Amino acid sequence: MQITNDLLNTARTDTLANYDPSIYGKGEASLSQALAPVAIH
């Protein structure tokens, strides 16, 4: 569950042209951000 939350909370929207939450949801998953230590976020 924590991994899911980390992926959702660190999803990127700046990598998507014309980002629209109704189409893309939370954004593009960023594994490097989700797995990074909390201090880096």
PDB file of N, CA and C in Angstrom:
ATOM      1  N   MET A   1       0.821  -1.203   0.000  1.00  0.00           N
ATOM      2  CA  MET A   1       0.000   0.000   0.000  1.00  0.00           C
ATOM      3  C   MET A   1       0.860   1.260   0.000  1.00  0.00           C
ATOM      4  N   GLN A   2       1.942   1.254   0.769  1.00  0.00           N
ATOM      5  CA  GLN A   2       2.818   2.427   0.810  1.00  0.00           C
ATOM      6  C   GLN A   2       3.436   2.697  -0.557  1.00  0.00           C
ATOM      7  N   ILE A   3       3.805   1.642  -1.261  1.00  0.00           N
ATOM      8  CA  ILE A   3       4.395   1.823  -2.593  1.00  0.00           C
ATOM      9  C   ILE A   3       3.376   2.476  -3.526  1.00  0.00           C
ATOM     10  N   THR A   4       2.132   2.041  -3.457  1.00  0.00           N
ATOM     11  CA  THR A   4       1.080   2.645  -4.280  1.00  0.00           C
ATOM     12  C   THR A   4       0.939   4.121  -3.965  1.00  0.00           C
ATOM     13  N   ASN A   5       0.916   4.459  -2.699  1.00  0.00           N
ATOM     14  CA  ASN A   5       0.806   5.858  -2.297  1.00  0.00           C
ATOM     15  C   ASN A   5       1.999   6.661  -2.782  1.00  0.00           C
ATOM     16  N   ASP A   6       3.201   6.097  -2.657  1.00  0.00           N
ATOM     17  CA  ASP A   6       4.392   6.796  -3.116  1.00  0.00           C
ATOM     18  C   ASP A   6       4.329   7.053  -4.617  1.00  0.00           C
ATOM     19  N   LEU A   7       3.878   6.068  -5.390  1.00  0.00           N
ATOM     20  CA  LEU A   7       3.773   6.249  -6.840  1.00  0.00           C
ATOM     21  C   LEU A   7       2.753   7.336  -7.188  1.00  0.00           C
ATOM     22  N   LEU A   8       1.615   7.323  -6.511  1.00  0.00           N
ATOM     23  CA  LEU A   8       0.588   8.320  -6.795  1.00  0.00           C
ATOM     24  C   LEU A   8       1.019   9.715  -6.360  1.00  0.00           C
ATOM     25  N   ASN A   9       1.681   9.809  -5.217  1.00  0.00           N
ATOM     26  CA  ASN A   9       2.068  11.112  -4.687  1.00  0.00           C
ATOM     27  C   ASN A   9       3.247  11.735  -5.417  1.00  0.00           C
ATOM     28  N   THR A  10       4.020  10.940  -6.125  1.00  0.00           N
ATOM     29  CA  THR A  10       5.181  11.478  -6.835  1.00  0.00           C
ATOM     30  C   THR A  10       4.987  11.472  -8.349  1.00  0.00           C
ATOM     31  N   ALA A  11       3.781  11.183  -8.819  1.00  0.00           N
ATOM     32  CA  ALA A  11       3.518  11.187 -10.260  1.00  0.00           C
ATOM     33  C   ALA A  11       3.800  12.573 -10.825  1.00  0.00           C
ATOM     34  N   ARG A  12       4.348  12.598 -12.021  1.00  0.00           N
ATOM     35  CA  ARG A  12       4.728  13.857 -12.658  1.00  0.00           C
ATOM     36  C   ARG A  12       3.681  14.274 -13.682  1.00  0.00           C
ATOM     37  N   THR A  13       3.382  15.551 -13.690  1.00  0.00           N
ATOM     38  CA  THR A  13       2.475  16.086 -14.701  1.00  0.00           C
ATOM     39  C   THR A  13       3.235  16.953 -15.698  1.00  0.00           C
ATOM     40  N   ASP A  14       4.458  17.343 -15.359  1.00  0.00           N
ATOM     41  CA  ASP A  14       5.233  18.220 -16.243  1.00  0.00           C
ATOM     42  C   ASP A  14       5.777  17.486 -17.455  1.00  0.00           C
ATOM     43  N   THR A  15       5.697  16.173 -17.475  1.00  0.00           N
ATOM     44  CA  THR A  15       6.206  15.400 -18.613  1.00  0.00           C
ATOM     45  C   THR A  15       5.123  15.124 -19.648  1.00  0.00           C
ATOM     46  N   LEU A  16       3.892  15.539 -19.355  1.00  0.00           N
ATOM     47  CA  LEU A  16       2.777  15.271 -20.261  1.00  0.00           C
ATOM     48  C   LEU A  16       2.307  16.563 -20.919  1.00  0.00           C
ATOM     49  N   ALA A  17       2.322  16.590 -22.240  1.00  0.00           N
ATOM     50  CA  ALA A  17       1.828  17.758 -22.965  1.00  0.00           C
ATOM     51  C   ALA A  17       0.317  17.866 -22.776  1.00  0.00           C
ATOM     52  N   ASN A  18      -0.169  19.054 -22.516  1.00  0.00           N
ATOM     53  CA  ASN A  18      -1.606  19.293 -22.314  1.00  0.00           C
ATOM     54  C   ASN A  18      -2.188  18.375 -21.239  1.00  0.00           C
ATOM     55  N   TYR A  19      -1.509  18.309 -20.097  1.00  0.00           N
ATOM     56  CA  TYR A  19      -1.949  17.449 -18.993  1.00  0.00           C
ATOM     57  C   TYR A  19      -3.395  17.733 -18.626  1.00  0.00           C
ATOM     58  N   ASP A  20      -4.174  16.672 -18.564  1.00  0.00           N
ATOM     59  CA  ASP A  20      -5.586  16.762 -18.182  1.00  0.00           C
ATOM     60  C   ASP A  20      -5.870  15.622 -17.210  1.00  0.00           C
ATOM     61  N   PRO A  21      -6.179  15.948 -15.944  1.00  0.00           N
ATOM     62  CA  PRO A  21      -6.386  14.889 -14.961  1.00  0.00           C
ATOM     63  C   PRO A  21      -7.505  13.911 -15.325  1.00  0.00           C
ATOM     64  N   SER A  22      -8.478  14.346 -16.104  1.00  0.00           N
ATOM     65  CA  SER A  22      -9.553  13.431 -16.475  1.00  0.00           C
ATOM     66  C   SER A  22      -9.075  12.377 -17.477  1.00  0.00           C
ATOM     67  N   ILE A  23      -7.963  12.662 -18.163  1.00  0.00           N
ATOM     68  CA  ILE A  23      -7.400  11.708 -19.113  1.00  0.00           C
ATOM     69  C   ILE A  23      -6.236  10.937 -18.484  1.00  0.00           C
ATOM     70  N   TYR A  24      -5.338  11.671 -17.830  1.00  0.00           N
ATOM     71  CA  TYR A  24      -4.096  11.078 -17.339  1.00  0.00           C
ATOM     72  C   TYR A  24      -4.110  10.718 -15.858  1.00  0.00           C
ATOM     73  N   GLY A  25      -5.161  11.070 -15.146  1.00  0.00           N
ATOM     74  CA  GLY A  25      -5.206  10.764 -13.713  1.00  0.00           C
ATOM     75  C   GLY A  25      -4.165  11.571 -12.958  1.00  0.00           C
ATOM     76  N   LYS A  26      -3.403  10.913 -12.125  1.00  0.00           N
ATOM     77  CA  LYS A  26      -2.395  11.583 -11.296  1.00  0.00           C
ATOM     78  C   LYS A  26      -1.183  12.021 -12.106  1.00  0.00           C
ATOM     79  N   GLY A  27      -0.990  11.465 -13.280  1.00  0.00           N
ATOM     80  CA  GLY A  27       0.163  11.819 -14.100  1.00  0.00           C
ATOM     81  C   GLY A  27       0.984  10.591 -14.438  1.00  0.00           C
ATOM     82  N   GLU A  28       2.222  10.834 -14.823  1.00  0.00           N
ATOM     83  CA  GLU A  28       3.133   9.773 -15.235  1.00  0.00           C
ATOM     84  C   GLU A  28       3.932   9.290 -14.028  1.00  0.00           C
ATOM     85  N   ALA A  29       3.939   7.989 -13.800  1.00  0.00           N
ATOM     86  CA  ALA A  29       4.667   7.431 -12.660  1.00  0.00           C
ATOM     87  C   ALA A  29       6.153   7.725 -12.794  1.00  0.00           C
ATOM     88  N   SER A  30       6.750   8.113 -11.688  1.00  0.00           N
ATOM     89  CA  SER A  30       8.184   8.367 -11.644  1.00  0.00           C
ATOM     90  C   SER A  30       8.799   7.428 -10.617  1.00  0.00           C
ATOM     91  N   LEU A  31       9.326   6.307 -11.083  1.00  0.00           N
ATOM     92  CA  LEU A  31       9.892   5.327 -10.154  1.00  0.00           C
ATOM     93  C   LEU A  31      11.056   5.906  -9.369  1.00  0.00           C
ATOM     94  N   SER A  32      11.880   6.724 -10.004  1.00  0.00           N
ATOM     95  CA  SER A  32      13.016   7.291  -9.283  1.00  0.00           C
ATOM     96  C   SER A  32      12.556   8.187  -8.138  1.00  0.00           C
ATOM     97  N   GLN A  33      11.498   8.945  -8.353  1.00  0.00           N
ATOM     98  CA  GLN A  33      10.962   9.788  -7.275  1.00  0.00           C
ATOM     99  C   GLN A  33      10.299   8.938  -6.201  1.00  0.00           C
ATOM    100  N   ALA A  34       9.544   7.933  -6.588  1.00  0.00           N
ATOM    101  CA  ALA A  34       8.820   7.110  -5.630  1.00  0.00           C
ATOM    102  C   ALA A  34       9.767   6.305  -4.741  1.00  0.00           C
ATOM    103  N   LEU A  35      10.911   5.890  -5.296  1.00  0.00           N
ATOM    104  CA  LEU A  35      11.845   5.063  -4.550  1.00  0.00           C
ATOM    105  C   LEU A  35      12.940   5.862  -3.854  1.00  0.00           C
ATOM    106  N   ALA A  36      12.997   7.164  -4.121  1.00  0.00           N
ATOM    107  CA  ALA A  36      14.023   8.008  -3.514  1.00  0.00           C
ATOM    108  C   ALA A  36      13.767   8.182  -2.015  1.00  0.00           C
ATOM    109  N   PRO A  37      14.821   8.396  -1.248  1.00  0.00           N
ATOM    110  CA  PRO A  37      14.618   8.699   0.168  1.00  0.00           C
ATOM    111  C   PRO A  37      13.767   9.947   0.325  1.00  0.00           C
ATOM    112  N   VAL A  38      13.027  10.023   1.409  1.00  0.00           N
ATOM    113  CA  VAL A  38      12.109  11.134   1.643  1.00  0.00           C
ATOM    114  C   VAL A  38      12.801  12.479   1.558  1.00  0.00           C
ATOM    115  N   ALA A  39      14.043  12.572   1.983  1.00  0.00           N
ATOM    116  CA  ALA A  39      14.760  13.845   1.992  1.00  0.00           C
ATOM    117  C   ALA A  39      14.959  14.423   0.598  1.00  0.00           C
ATOM    118  N   ILE A  40      14.925  13.596  -0.429  1.00  0.00           N
ATOM    119  CA  ILE A  40      15.159  14.060  -1.805  1.00  0.00           C
ATOM    120  C   ILE A  40      13.899  14.622  -2.429  1.00  0.00           C
ATOM    121  N   HIS A  41      12.730  14.197  -1.993  1.00  0.00           N
ATOM    122  CA  HIS A  41      11.460  14.608  -2.612  1.00  0.00           C
ATOM    123  C   HIS A  41      11.339  16.089  -2.594  1.00  0.00           C
TER     124      HIS A  41
END
